Amino acid sequence: MKINLHIERLVLEGLPVEQPHILRRSLEADLAGRLMEGGISEELRAQRSAPHVLGGAMRVEQKPGSARLGTQIASAVYHGIGARR
């Protein structure tokens, strides 16, 4: 199955991101791995598209590194689109 995911905008208010390219690579790699392993939710599979999806909550460390923040965001996004177990 081919999955196209488009995140138009990611707003991180109040979080200083020193290396946005590392955050982006981390988010993309982690989310791709989660989708390959667990798949997408039945609801989204049936709809074929969704204008927006609510993600999960996340607790942000005081000064998270860009890679760690990318992983946390990927987890929250996958919570909203991933297969339910």
Protein backbone atom coordinates (compact mmCIF):
# COMPACT_ATOMS: atom_id res chain seq x y z
CA MET A 1 0.00 0.00 0.00
CA LYS A 2 1.19 3.50 -0.79
CA ILE A 3 0.59 6.22 1.80
CA ASN A 4 0.90 9.92 0.95
CA LEU A 5 1.06 12.16 3.98
CA HIS A 6 1.24 15.92 3.61
CA ILE A 7 1.87 18.05 6.67
CA GLU A 8 1.25 21.56 5.43
CA ARG A 9 2.43 23.40 8.49
CA LEU A 10 4.00 22.51 11.80
CA VAL A 11 3.87 25.25 14.41
CA LEU A 12 6.07 24.91 17.47
CA GLU A 13 5.19 27.93 19.57
CA GLY A 14 7.62 28.64 22.35
CA LEU A 15 10.03 25.90 21.36
CA PRO A 16 13.41 27.00 20.12
CA VAL A 17 14.44 24.61 17.36
CA GLU A 18 18.12 25.05 16.73
CA GLN A 19 18.37 22.61 13.84
CA PRO A 20 15.06 22.38 11.95
CA HIS A 21 16.52 20.11 9.24
CA ILE A 22 17.44 17.52 11.88
CA LEU A 23 13.95 17.75 13.41
CA ARG A 24 12.41 17.23 9.98
CA ARG A 25 14.58 14.22 9.15
CA SER A 26 13.90 12.67 12.55
CA LEU A 27 10.15 13.21 12.24
CA GLU A 28 10.04 11.79 8.70
CA ALA A 29 12.16 8.73 9.52
CA ASP A 30 10.36 7.87 12.73
CA LEU A 31 6.88 8.37 11.28
CA ALA A 32 7.75 6.32 8.18
CA GLY A 33 9.00 3.50 10.39
CA ARG A 34 5.86 3.54 12.50
CA LEU A 35 3.63 3.49 9.41
CA MET A 36 5.59 0.62 7.86
CA GLU A 37 5.39 -1.38 11.07
CA GLY A 38 1.88 -0.62 12.27
CA GLY A 39 0.02 0.70 9.25
CA ILE A 40 -2.71 3.28 9.09
CA SER A 41 -6.02 3.34 10.95
CA GLU A 42 -9.06 1.62 9.43
CA GLU A 43 -10.96 4.92 9.61
CA LEU A 44 -8.43 6.69 7.40
CA ARG A 45 -8.12 3.71 5.09
CA ALA A 46 -11.89 3.80 4.53
CA GLN A 47 -11.98 7.59 4.02
CA ARG A 48 -8.94 7.72 1.72
CA SER A 49 -8.27 11.31 2.87
CA ALA A 50 -8.81 13.60 5.83
CA PRO A 51 -8.53 17.39 5.93
CA HIS A 52 -7.16 17.21 9.48
CA VAL A 53 -6.42 14.64 12.14
CA LEU A 54 -6.00 15.13 15.88
CA GLY A 55 -2.71 13.79 17.13
CA GLY A 56 -1.77 12.60 20.56
CA ALA A 57 -0.49 14.65 23.44
CA MET A 58 3.19 14.96 24.13
CA ARG A 59 5.29 16.12 27.03
CA VAL A 60 8.17 18.29 25.91
CA GLU A 61 11.40 18.28 27.86
CA GLN A 62 12.87 21.58 29.03
CA LYS A 63 15.44 21.74 26.20
CA PRO A 64 14.77 18.87 23.81
CA GLY A 65 17.27 18.25 21.05
CA SER A 66 15.98 18.58 17.50
CA ALA A 67 16.15 14.81 16.84
CA ARG A 68 14.31 13.96 20.08
CA LEU A 69 11.63 16.55 19.37
CA GLY A 70 11.15 15.10 15.87
CA THR A 71 10.62 11.64 17.38
CA GLN A 72 8.11 12.99 19.90
CA ILE A 73 6.15 14.77 17.18
CA ALA A 74 6.15 11.63 15.01
CA SER A 75 4.72 9.66 17.92
CA ALA A 76 1.94 12.23 18.44
CA VAL A 77 1.09 12.29 14.71
CA TYR A 78 1.06 8.49 14.51
CA HIS A 79 -1.29 8.40 17.49
CA GLY A 80 -3.82 10.23 15.28
CA ILE A 81 -3.35 8.27 12.05
CA GLY A 82 -1.96 4.89 13.03
CA ALA A 83 -3.63 1.52 13.25
CA ARG A 84 -5.43 0.88 16.53
CA ARG A 85 -4.30 -2.19 18.36
